[in-house]
Amino acid sequence: MLIRVMKEFISNEYILLALTEPNLLASAAETAVGLTVKHLRVGDVENFKIPIPPLNEQKLIVSKAKALFTLCDTLKTHLQSAQQTQLHLVDALTVAVVN
């Protein structure tokens, strides 16, 4: 299915965010049909409710979402580093106790 947006009213980046929003994806999964390959009927897609704020607000939402995604990536990296440090400390303590 192809979605063409009216660029004077809807930002491509905003509609991508809206279409990948977890609640919308869950709703889509509930209405998907098919035994081997799940798909959506055109009528079901037409019934999706996607809020469309003014274009300047859409751009602000996209900007904030990008900043939050970047923050999440940074936090994930720090968490992985901390977990690696914990493993090294556990290994060092284990070696110290055994010796």
PDB file of N, CA and C in Angstrom:
ATOM      1  N   MET A   1       0.847  -1.169   0.000  1.00  0.00           N
ATOM      2  CA  MET A   1       0.000   0.000   0.000  1.00  0.00           C
ATOM      3  C   MET A   1       0.892   1.232   0.000  1.00  0.00           C
ATOM      4  N   LEU A   2       0.544   2.191  -0.752  1.00  0.00           N
ATOM      5  CA  LEU A   2       1.321   3.416  -0.877  1.00  0.00           C
ATOM      6  C   LEU A   2       0.558   4.564  -0.220  1.00  0.00           C
ATOM      7  N   ILE A   3       1.293   5.335   0.571  1.00  0.00           N
ATOM      8  CA  ILE A   3       0.693   6.520   1.186  1.00  0.00           C
ATOM      9  C   ILE A   3       1.397   7.737   0.603  1.00  0.00           C
ATOM     10  N   ARG A   4       0.628   8.593   0.011  1.00  0.00           N
ATOM     11  CA  ARG A   4       1.169   9.855  -0.499  1.00  0.00           C
ATOM     12  C   ARG A   4       0.613  10.967   0.381  1.00  0.00           C
ATOM     13  N   VAL A   5       1.538  11.744   0.935  1.00  0.00           N
ATOM     14  CA  VAL A   5       1.090  12.820   1.815  1.00  0.00           C
ATOM     15  C   VAL A   5       1.089  14.142   1.060  1.00  0.00           C
ATOM     16  N   MET A   6       0.250  15.047   1.509  1.00  0.00           N
ATOM     17  CA  MET A   6       0.258  16.398   0.958  1.00  0.00           C
ATOM     18  C   MET A   6       1.329  17.163   1.729  1.00  0.00           C
ATOM     19  N   LYS A   7       2.457  17.380   1.076  1.00  0.00           N
ATOM     20  CA  LYS A   7       3.638  17.921   1.744  1.00  0.00           C
ATOM     21  C   LYS A   7       3.412  19.285   2.379  1.00  0.00           C
ATOM     22  N   GLU A   8       2.432  20.016   1.913  1.00  0.00           N
ATOM     23  CA  GLU A   8       2.163  21.322   2.521  1.00  0.00           C
ATOM     24  C   GLU A   8       1.439  21.178   3.866  1.00  0.00           C
ATOM     25  N   PHE A   9       0.954  19.951   4.180  1.00  0.00           N
ATOM     26  CA  PHE A   9       0.246  19.716   5.430  1.00  0.00           C
ATOM     27  C   PHE A   9       0.891  18.669   6.332  1.00  0.00           C
ATOM     28  N   ILE A  10       1.663  17.742   5.730  1.00  0.00           N
ATOM     29  CA  ILE A  10       2.193  16.629   6.509  1.00  0.00           C
ATOM     30  C   ILE A  10       3.667  16.395   6.176  1.00  0.00           C
ATOM     31  N   SER A  11       4.480  16.339   7.221  1.00  0.00           N
ATOM     32  CA  SER A  11       5.904  16.047   7.089  1.00  0.00           C
ATOM     33  C   SER A  11       6.099  14.541   6.909  1.00  0.00           C
ATOM     34  N   ASN A  12       6.960  14.156   5.961  1.00  0.00           N
ATOM     35  CA  ASN A  12       7.260  12.737   5.751  1.00  0.00           C
ATOM     36  C   ASN A  12       7.801  12.102   7.028  1.00  0.00           C
ATOM     37  N   GLU A  13       8.691  12.816   7.707  1.00  0.00           N
ATOM     38  CA  GLU A  13       9.287  12.282   8.937  1.00  0.00           C
ATOM     39  C   GLU A  13       8.231  12.114  10.030  1.00  0.00           C
ATOM     40  N   TYR A  14       7.293  13.047  10.100  1.00  0.00           N
ATOM     41  CA  TYR A  14       6.228  12.957  11.100  1.00  0.00           C
ATOM     42  C   TYR A  14       5.340  11.747  10.831  1.00  0.00           C
ATOM     43  N   ILE A  15       4.931  11.560   9.573  1.00  0.00           N
ATOM     44  CA  ILE A  15       4.033  10.444   9.284  1.00  0.00           C
ATOM     45  C   ILE A  15       4.742   9.114   9.528  1.00  0.00           C
ATOM     46  N   LEU A  16       6.051   9.061   9.302  1.00  0.00           N
ATOM     47  CA  LEU A  16       6.803   7.844   9.607  1.00  0.00           C
ATOM     48  C   LEU A  16       6.773   7.572  11.108  1.00  0.00           C
ATOM     49  N   LEU A  17       6.987   8.608  11.908  1.00  0.00           N
ATOM     50  CA  LEU A  17       6.891   8.447  13.366  1.00  0.00           C
ATOM     51  C   LEU A  17       5.493   7.980  13.766  1.00  0.00           C
ATOM     52  N   ALA A  18       4.487   8.601  13.196  1.00  0.00           N
ATOM     53  CA  ALA A  18       3.103   8.270  13.555  1.00  0.00           C
ATOM     54  C   ALA A  18       2.764   6.829  13.178  1.00  0.00           C
ATOM     55  N   LEU A  19       3.239   6.379  12.021  1.00  0.00           N
ATOM     56  CA  LEU A  19       2.914   5.033  11.557  1.00  0.00           C
ATOM     57  C   LEU A  19       3.709   3.950  12.276  1.00  0.00           C
ATOM     58  N   THR A  20       4.779   4.327  12.943  1.00  0.00           N
ATOM     59  CA  THR A  20       5.572   3.341  13.689  1.00  0.00           C
ATOM     60  C   THR A  20       5.361   3.479  15.197  1.00  0.00           C
ATOM     61  N   GLU A  21       4.364   4.227  15.589  1.00  0.00           N
ATOM     62  CA  GLU A  21       4.037   4.411  17.002  1.00  0.00           C
ATOM     63  C   GLU A  21       3.515   3.084  17.558  1.00  0.00           C
ATOM     64  N   PRO A  22       4.015   2.641  18.718  1.00  0.00           N
ATOM     65  CA  PRO A  22       3.663   1.313  19.244  1.00  0.00           C
ATOM     66  C   PRO A  22       2.170   1.025  19.363  1.00  0.00           C
ATOM     67  N   ASN A  23       1.364   1.972  19.803  1.00  0.00           N
ATOM     68  CA  ASN A  23      -0.084   1.718  19.928  1.00  0.00           C
ATOM     69  C   ASN A  23      -0.731   1.491  18.562  1.00  0.00           C
ATOM     70  N   LEU A  24      -0.292   2.242  17.565  1.00  0.00           N
ATOM     71  CA  LEU A  24      -0.834   2.060  16.219  1.00  0.00           C
ATOM     72  C   LEU A  24      -0.407   0.699  15.670  1.00  0.00           C
ATOM     73  N   LEU A  25       0.852   0.317  15.907  1.00  0.00           N
ATOM     74  CA  LEU A  25       1.329  -0.983  15.445  1.00  0.00           C
ATOM     75  C   LEU A  25       0.572  -2.124  16.119  1.00  0.00           C
ATOM     76  N   ALA A  26       0.286  -1.980  17.404  1.00  0.00           N
ATOM     77  CA  ALA A  26      -0.480  -3.007  18.119  1.00  0.00           C
ATOM     78  C   ALA A  26      -1.894  -3.109  17.544  1.00  0.00           C
ATOM     79  N   SER A  27      -2.489  -1.973  17.271  1.00  0.00           N
ATOM     80  CA  SER A  27      -3.828  -1.954  16.685  1.00  0.00           C
ATOM     81  C   SER A  27      -3.808  -2.598  15.299  1.00  0.00           C
ATOM     82  N   ALA A  28      -2.778  -2.304  14.532  1.00  0.00           N
ATOM     83  CA  ALA A  28      -2.647  -2.884  13.197  1.00  0.00           C
ATOM     84  C   ALA A  28      -2.483  -4.400  13.291  1.00  0.00           C
ATOM     85  N   ALA A  29      -1.708  -4.855  14.262  1.00  0.00           N
ATOM     86  CA  ALA A  29      -1.500  -6.297  14.433  1.00  0.00           C
ATOM     87  C   ALA A  29      -2.809  -7.004  14.769  1.00  0.00           C
ATOM     88  N   GLU A  30      -3.668  -6.339  15.516  1.00  0.00           N
ATOM     89  CA  GLU A  30      -4.956  -6.937  15.888  1.00  0.00           C
ATOM     90  C   GLU A  30      -5.882  -7.082  14.686  1.00  0.00           C
ATOM     91  N   THR A  31      -5.785  -6.168  13.731  1.00  0.00           N
ATOM     92  CA  THR A  31      -6.685  -6.198  12.576  1.00  0.00           C
ATOM     93  C   THR A  31      -6.085  -6.923  11.379  1.00  0.00           C
ATOM     94  N   ALA A  32      -4.812  -7.324  11.472  1.00  0.00           N
ATOM     95  CA  ALA A  32      -4.162  -8.016  10.354  1.00  0.00           C
ATOM     96  C   ALA A  32      -4.843  -9.348  10.094  1.00  0.00           C
ATOM     97  N   VAL A  33      -4.937  -9.688   8.815  1.00  0.00           N
ATOM     98  CA  VAL A  33      -5.568 -10.946   8.409  1.00  0.00           C
ATOM     99  C   VAL A  33      -4.591 -11.767   7.577  1.00  0.00           C
ATOM    100  N   GLY A  34      -4.889 -13.032   7.416  1.00  0.00           N
ATOM    101  CA  GLY A  34      -4.059 -13.907   6.596  1.00  0.00           C
ATOM    102  C   GLY A  34      -3.462 -15.015   7.430  1.00  0.00           C
ATOM    103  N   LEU A  35      -3.351 -16.196   6.840  1.00  0.00           N
ATOM    104  CA  LEU A  35      -2.826 -17.338   7.570  1.00  0.00           C
ATOM    105  C   LEU A  35      -1.302 -17.404   7.524  1.00  0.00           C
ATOM    106  N   THR A  36      -0.725 -17.197   6.348  1.00  0.00           N
ATOM    107  CA  THR A  36       0.737 -17.319   6.248  1.00  0.00           C
ATOM    108  C   THR A  36       1.426 -15.966   6.325  1.00  0.00           C
ATOM    109  N   VAL A  37       0.922 -15.007   5.602  1.00  0.00           N
ATOM    110  CA  VAL A  37       1.493 -13.655   5.627  1.00  0.00           C
ATOM    111  C   VAL A  37       0.395 -12.695   6.056  1.00  0.00           C
ATOM    112  N   LYS A  38       0.600 -12.080   7.212  1.00  0.00           N
ATOM    113  CA  LYS A  38      -0.395 -11.134   7.719  1.00  0.00           C
ATOM    114  C   LYS A  38      -0.366  -9.858   6.886  1.00  0.00           C
ATOM    115  N   HIS A  39      -1.530  -9.297   6.630  1.00  0.00           N
ATOM    116  CA  HIS A  39      -1.627  -8.034   5.904  1.00  0.00           C
ATOM    117  C   HIS A  39      -2.855  -7.264   6.390  1.00  0.00           C
ATOM    118  N   LEU A  40      -2.911  -6.018   6.003  1.00  0.00           N
ATOM    119  CA  LEU A  40      -4.024  -5.152   6.397  1.00  0.00           C
ATOM    120  C   LEU A  40      -4.917  -4.889   5.192  1.00  0.00           C
ATOM    121  N   ARG A  41      -6.193  -4.819   5.450  1.00  0.00           N
ATOM    122  CA  ARG A  41      -7.129  -4.424   4.396  1.00  0.00           C
ATOM    123  C   ARG A  41      -7.099  -2.902   4.259  1.00  0.00           C
ATOM    124  N   VAL A  42      -7.336  -2.425   3.052  1.00  0.00           N
ATOM    125  CA  VAL A  42      -7.336  -0.981   2.805  1.00  0.00           C
ATOM    126  C   VAL A  42      -8.339  -0.289   3.729  1.00  0.00           C
ATOM    127  N   GLY A  43      -9.504  -0.882   3.909  1.00  0.00           N
ATOM    128  CA  GLY A  43     -10.525  -0.281   4.775  1.00  0.00           C
ATOM    129  C   GLY A  43     -10.061  -0.137   6.210  1.00  0.00           C
ATOM    130  N   ASP A  44      -9.278  -1.126   6.682  1.00  0.00           N
ATOM    131  CA  ASP A  44      -8.761  -1.047   8.052  1.00  0.00           C
ATOM    132  C   ASP A  44      -7.762   0.094   8.186  1.00  0.00           C
ATOM    133  N   VAL A  45      -6.912   0.252   7.175  1.00  0.00           N
ATOM    134  CA  VAL A  45      -5.912   1.325   7.202  1.00  0.00           C
ATOM    135  C   VAL A  45      -6.605   2.681   7.148  1.00  0.00           C
ATOM    136  N   GLU A  46      -7.650   2.771   6.371  1.00  0.00           N
ATOM    137  CA  GLU A  46      -8.396   4.033   6.275  1.00  0.00           C
ATOM    138  C   GLU A  46      -9.007   4.432   7.611  1.00  0.00           C
ATOM    139  N   ASN A  47      -9.240   3.468   8.492  1.00  0.00           N
ATOM    140  CA  ASN A  47      -9.850   3.755   9.793  1.00  0.00           C
ATOM    141  C   ASN A  47      -8.838   4.103  10.879  1.00  0.00           C
ATOM    142  N   PHE A  48      -7.537   4.015  10.582  1.00  0.00           N
ATOM    143  CA  PHE A  48      -6.530   4.413  11.575  1.00  0.00           C
ATOM    144  C   PHE A  48      -6.692   5.889  11.888  1.00  0.00           C
ATOM    145  N   LYS A  49      -6.580   6.202  13.154  1.00  0.00           N
ATOM    146  CA  LYS A  49      -6.684   7.595  13.585  1.00  0.00           C
ATOM    147  C   LYS A  49      -5.275   8.114  13.889  1.00  0.00           C
ATOM    148  N   ILE A  50      -4.795   9.012  13.056  1.00  0.00           N
ATOM    149  CA  ILE A  50      -3.463   9.595  13.222  1.00  0.00           C
ATOM    150  C   ILE A  50      -3.637  11.096  13.400  1.00  0.00           C
ATOM    151  N   PRO A  51      -3.231  11.610  14.566  1.00  0.00           N
ATOM    152  CA  PRO A  51      -3.363  13.055  14.776  1.00  0.00           C
ATOM    153  C   PRO A  51      -2.434  13.818  13.838  1.00  0.00           C
ATOM    154  N   ILE A  52      -2.951  14.857  13.225  1.00  0.00           N
ATOM    155  CA  ILE A  52      -2.155  15.667  12.310  1.00  0.00           C
ATOM    156  C   ILE A  52      -2.152  17.112  12.824  1.00  0.00           C
ATOM    157  N   PRO A  53      -1.133  17.459  13.626  1.00  0.00           N
ATOM    158  CA  PRO A  53      -1.027  18.848  14.094  1.00  0.00           C
ATOM    159  C   PRO A  53      -0.522  19.743  12.957  1.00  0.00           C
ATOM    160  N   PRO A  54      -0.489  21.037  13.168  1.00  0.00           N
ATOM    161  CA  PRO A  54       0.058  21.946  12.151  1.00  0.00           C
ATOM    162  C   PRO A  54       1.495  21.544  11.794  1.00  0.00           C
ATOM    163  N   LEU A  55       1.910  21.863  10.584  1.00  0.00           N
ATOM    164  CA  LEU A  55       3.209  21.453  10.062  1.00  0.00           C
ATOM    165  C   LEU A  55       4.369  21.874  10.962  1.00  0.00           C
ATOM    166  N   ASN A  56       4.330  23.091  11.490  1.00  0.00           N
ATOM    167  CA  ASN A  56       5.431  23.537  12.358  1.00  0.00           C
ATOM    168  C   ASN A  56       5.500  22.703  13.635  1.00  0.00           C
ATOM    169  N   GLU A  57       4.360  22.280  14.139  1.00  0.00           N
ATOM    170  CA  GLU A  57       4.338  21.425  15.330  1.00  0.00           C
ATOM    171  C   GLU A  57       4.827  20.011  14.994  1.00  0.00           C
ATOM    172  N   GLN A  58       4.493  19.536  13.806  1.00  0.00           N
ATOM    173  CA  GLN A  58       5.003  18.231  13.365  1.00  0.00           C
ATOM    174  C   GLN A  58       6.534  18.247  13.349  1.00  0.00           C
ATOM    175  N   LYS A  59       7.103  19.329  12.807  1.00  0.00           N
ATOM    176  CA  LYS A  59       8.569  19.441  12.742  1.00  0.00           C
ATOM    177  C   LYS A  59       9.169  19.476  14.138  1.00  0.00           C
ATOM    178  N   LEU A  60       8.513  20.144  15.064  1.00  0.00           N
ATOM    179  CA  LEU A  60       8.982  20.193  16.453  1.00  0.00           C
ATOM    180  C   LEU A  60       8.916  18.797  17.088  1.00  0.00           C
ATOM    181  N   ILE A  61       7.839  18.082  16.836  1.00  0.00           N
ATOM    182  CA  ILE A  61       7.693  16.721  17.371  1.00  0.00           C
ATOM    183  C   ILE A  61       8.799  15.824  16.830  1.00  0.00           C
ATOM    184  N   VAL A  62       9.068  15.903  15.535  1.00  0.00           N
ATOM    185  CA  VAL A  62      10.129  15.094  14.920  1.00  0.00           C
ATOM    186  C   VAL A  62      11.474  15.448  15.535  1.00  0.00           C
ATOM    187  N   SER A  63      11.732  16.736  15.725  1.00  0.00           N
ATOM    188  CA  SER A  63      12.996  17.180  16.314  1.00  0.00           C
ATOM    189  C   SER A  63      13.161  16.649  17.736  1.00  0.00           C
ATOM    190  N   LYS A  64      12.113  16.742  18.535  1.00  0.00           N
ATOM    191  CA  LYS A  64      12.162  16.237  19.915  1.00  0.00           C
ATOM    192  C   LYS A  64      12.330  14.718  19.935  1.00  0.00           C
ATOM    193  N   ALA A  65      11.626  14.032  19.048  1.00  0.00           N
ATOM    194  CA  ALA A  65      11.732  12.570  18.991  1.00  0.00           C
ATOM    195  C   ALA A  65      13.155  12.155  18.620  1.00  0.00           C
ATOM    196  N   LYS A  66      13.764  12.842  17.650  1.00  0.00           N
ATOM    197  CA  LYS A  66      15.145  12.535  17.270  1.00  0.00           C
ATOM    198  C   LYS A  66      16.086  12.744  18.449  1.00  0.00           C
ATOM    199  N   ALA A  67      15.883  13.826  19.202  1.00  0.00           N
ATOM    200  CA  ALA A  67      16.722  14.111  20.367  1.00  0.00           C
ATOM    201  C   ALA A  67      16.558  13.007  21.418  1.00  0.00           C
ATOM    202  N   LEU A  68      15.324  12.556  21.615  1.00  0.00           N
ATOM    203  CA  LEU A  68      15.076  11.482  22.590  1.00  0.00           C
ATOM    204  C   LEU A  68      15.668  10.151  22.123  1.00  0.00           C
ATOM    205  N   PHE A  69      15.584   9.864  20.825  1.00  0.00           N
ATOM    206  CA  PHE A  69      16.199   8.641  20.297  1.00  0.00           C
ATOM    207  C   PHE A  69      17.706   8.669  20.503  1.00  0.00           C
ATOM    208  N   THR A  70      18.315   9.837  20.276  1.00  0.00           N
ATOM    209  CA  THR A  70      19.756   9.990  20.486  1.00  0.00           C
ATOM    210  C   THR A  70      20.099   9.777  21.955  1.00  0.00           C
ATOM    211  N   LEU A  71      19.311  10.356  22.842  1.00  0.00           N
ATOM    212  CA  LEU A  71      19.524  10.180  24.278  1.00  0.00           C
ATOM    213  C   LEU A  71      19.401   8.701  24.657  1.00  0.00           C
ATOM    214  N   CYS A  72      18.393   8.028  24.132  1.00  0.00           N
ATOM    215  CA  CYS A  72      18.216   6.591  24.422  1.00  0.00           C
ATOM    216  C   CYS A  72      19.414   5.781  23.938  1.00  0.00           C
ATOM    217  N   ASP A  73      19.923   6.107  22.753  1.00  0.00           N
ATOM    218  CA  ASP A  73      21.105   5.400  22.238  1.00  0.00           C
ATOM    219  C   ASP A  73      22.312   5.620  23.136  1.00  0.00           C
ATOM    220  N   THR A  74      22.481   6.860  23.617  1.00  0.00           N
ATOM    221  CA  THR A  74      23.593   7.178  24.522  1.00  0.00           C
ATOM    222  C   THR A  74      23.449   6.416  25.829  1.00  0.00           C
ATOM    223  N   LEU A  75      22.240   6.408  26.394  1.00  0.00           N
ATOM    224  CA  LEU A  75      21.997   5.683  27.642  1.00  0.00           C
ATOM    225  C   LEU A  75      22.230   4.184  27.471  1.00  0.00           C
ATOM    226  N   LYS A  76      21.810   3.652  26.330  1.00  0.00           N
ATOM    227  CA  LYS A  76      22.021   2.232  26.057  1.00  0.00           C
ATOM    228  C   LYS A  76      23.518   1.914  26.015  1.00  0.00           C
ATOM    229  N   THR A  77      24.296   2.772  25.382  1.00  0.00           N
ATOM    230  CA  THR A  77      25.744   2.580  25.314  1.00  0.00           C
ATOM    231  C   THR A  77      26.367   2.631  26.701  1.00  0.00           C
ATOM    232  N   HIS A  78      25.949   3.597  27.517  1.00  0.00           N
ATOM    233  CA  HIS A  78      26.473   3.708  28.891  1.00  0.00           C
ATOM    234  C   HIS A  78      26.086   2.492  29.729  1.00  0.00           C
ATOM    235  N   LEU A  79      24.865   2.019  29.554  1.00  0.00           N
ATOM    236  CA  LEU A  79      24.407   0.848  30.289  1.00  0.00           C
ATOM    237  C   LEU A  79      25.213  -0.388  29.894  1.00  0.00           C
ATOM    238  N   GLN A  80      25.454  -0.569  28.614  1.00  0.00           N
ATOM    239  CA  GLN A  80      26.258  -1.699  28.155  1.00  0.00           C
ATOM    240  C   GLN A  80      27.679  -1.618  28.713  1.00  0.00           C
ATOM    241  N   SER A  81      28.234  -0.417  28.746  1.00  0.00           N
ATOM    242  CA  SER A  81      29.579  -0.215  29.293  1.00  0.00           C
ATOM    243  C   SER A  81      29.598  -0.553  30.783  1.00  0.00           C
ATOM    244  N   ALA A  82      28.578  -0.113  31.507  1.00  0.00           N
ATOM    245  CA  ALA A  82      28.499  -0.397  32.945  1.00  0.00           C
ATOM    246  C   ALA A  82      28.359  -1.901  33.189  1.00  0.00           C
ATOM    247  N   GLN A  83      27.577  -2.574  32.367  1.00  0.00           N
ATOM    248  CA  GLN A  83      27.418  -4.015  32.513  1.00  0.00           C
ATOM    249  C   GLN A  83      28.737  -4.738  32.240  1.00  0.00           C
ATOM    250  N   GLN A  84      29.485  -4.261  31.253  1.00  0.00           N
ATOM    251  CA  GLN A  84      30.787  -4.849  30.944  1.00  0.00           C
ATOM    252  C   GLN A  84      31.745  -4.646  32.121  1.00  0.00           C
ATOM    253  N   THR A  85      31.713  -3.464  32.717  1.00  0.00           N
ATOM    254  CA  THR A  85      32.551  -3.184  33.887  1.00  0.00           C
ATOM    255  C   THR A  85      32.179  -4.111  35.039  1.00  0.00           C
ATOM    256  N   GLN A  86      30.877  -4.321  35.251  1.00  0.00           N
ATOM    257  CA  GLN A  86      30.424  -5.240  36.299  1.00  0.00           C
ATOM    258  C   GLN A  86      30.977  -6.645  36.074  1.00  0.00           C
ATOM    259  N   LEU A  87      30.931  -7.109  34.839  1.00  0.00           N
ATOM    260  CA  LEU A  87      31.446  -8.445  34.536  1.00  0.00           C
ATOM    261  C   LEU A  87      32.943  -8.535  34.830  1.00  0.00           C
ATOM    262  N   HIS A  88      33.687  -7.498  34.475  1.00  0.00           N
ATOM    263  CA  HIS A  88      35.124  -7.486  34.753  1.00  0.00           C
ATOM    264  C   HIS A  88      35.383  -7.495  36.266  1.00  0.00           C
ATOM    265  N   LEU A  89      34.580  -6.732  37.013  1.00  0.00           N
ATOM    266  CA  LEU A  89      34.747  -6.711  38.474  1.00  0.00           C
ATOM    267  C   LEU A  89      34.426  -8.076  39.094  1.00  0.00           C
ATOM    268  N   VAL A  90      33.356  -8.719  38.617  1.00  0.00           N
ATOM    269  CA  VAL A  90      32.998 -10.042  39.115  1.00  0.00           C
ATOM    270  C   VAL A  90      34.123 -11.030  38.817  1.00  0.00           C
ATOM    271  N   ASP A  91      34.667 -10.975  37.614  1.00  0.00           N
ATOM    272  CA  ASP A  91      35.783 -11.859  37.250  1.00  0.00           C
ATOM    273  C   ASP A  91      36.995 -11.612  38.168  1.00  0.00           C
ATOM    274  N   ALA A  92      37.301 -10.337  38.397  1.00  0.00           N
ATOM    275  CA  ALA A  92      38.451 -10.002  39.247  1.00  0.00           C
ATOM    276  C   ALA A  92      38.231 -10.485  40.679  1.00  0.00           C
ATOM    277  N   LEU A  93      37.025 -10.294  41.202  1.00  0.00           N
ATOM    278  CA  LEU A  93      36.718 -10.735  42.556  1.00  0.00           C
ATOM    279  C   LEU A  93      36.757 -12.254  42.656  1.00  0.00           C
ATOM    280  N   THR A  94      36.260 -12.932  41.658  1.00  0.00           N
ATOM    281  CA  THR A  94      36.292 -14.396  41.643  1.00  0.00           C
ATOM    282  C   THR A  94      37.721 -14.910  41.665  1.00  0.00           C
ATOM    283  N   VAL A  95      38.570 -14.307  40.853  1.00  0.00           N
ATOM    284  CA  VAL A  95      39.983 -14.696  40.818  1.00  0.00           C
ATOM    285  C   VAL A  95      40.637 -14.422  42.175  1.00  0.00           C
ATOM    286  N   ALA A  96      40.321 -13.281  42.776  1.00  0.00           N
ATOM    287  CA  ALA A  96      40.906 -12.916  44.068  1.00  0.00           C
ATOM    288  C   ALA A  96      40.469 -13.872  45.172  1.00  0.00           C
ATOM    289  N   VAL A  97      39.214 -14.303  45.148  1.00  0.00           N
ATOM    290  CA  VAL A  97      38.705 -15.224  46.176  1.00  0.00           C
ATOM    291  C   VAL A  97      39.320 -16.606  45.987  1.00  0.00           C
ATOM    292  N   VAL A  98      39.457 -17.060  44.762  1.00  0.00           N
ATOM    293  CA  VAL A  98      39.993 -18.392  44.484  1.00  0.00           C
ATOM    294  C   VAL A  98      41.483 -18.449  44.850  1.00  0.00           C
ATOM    295  N   ASN A  99      42.208 -17.372  44.639  1.00  0.00           N
ATOM    296  CA  ASN A  99      43.645 -17.364  44.923  1.00  0.00           C
ATOM    297  C   ASN A  99      43.823 -17.062  46.376  1.00  0.00           C
TER     298      ASN A  99
END
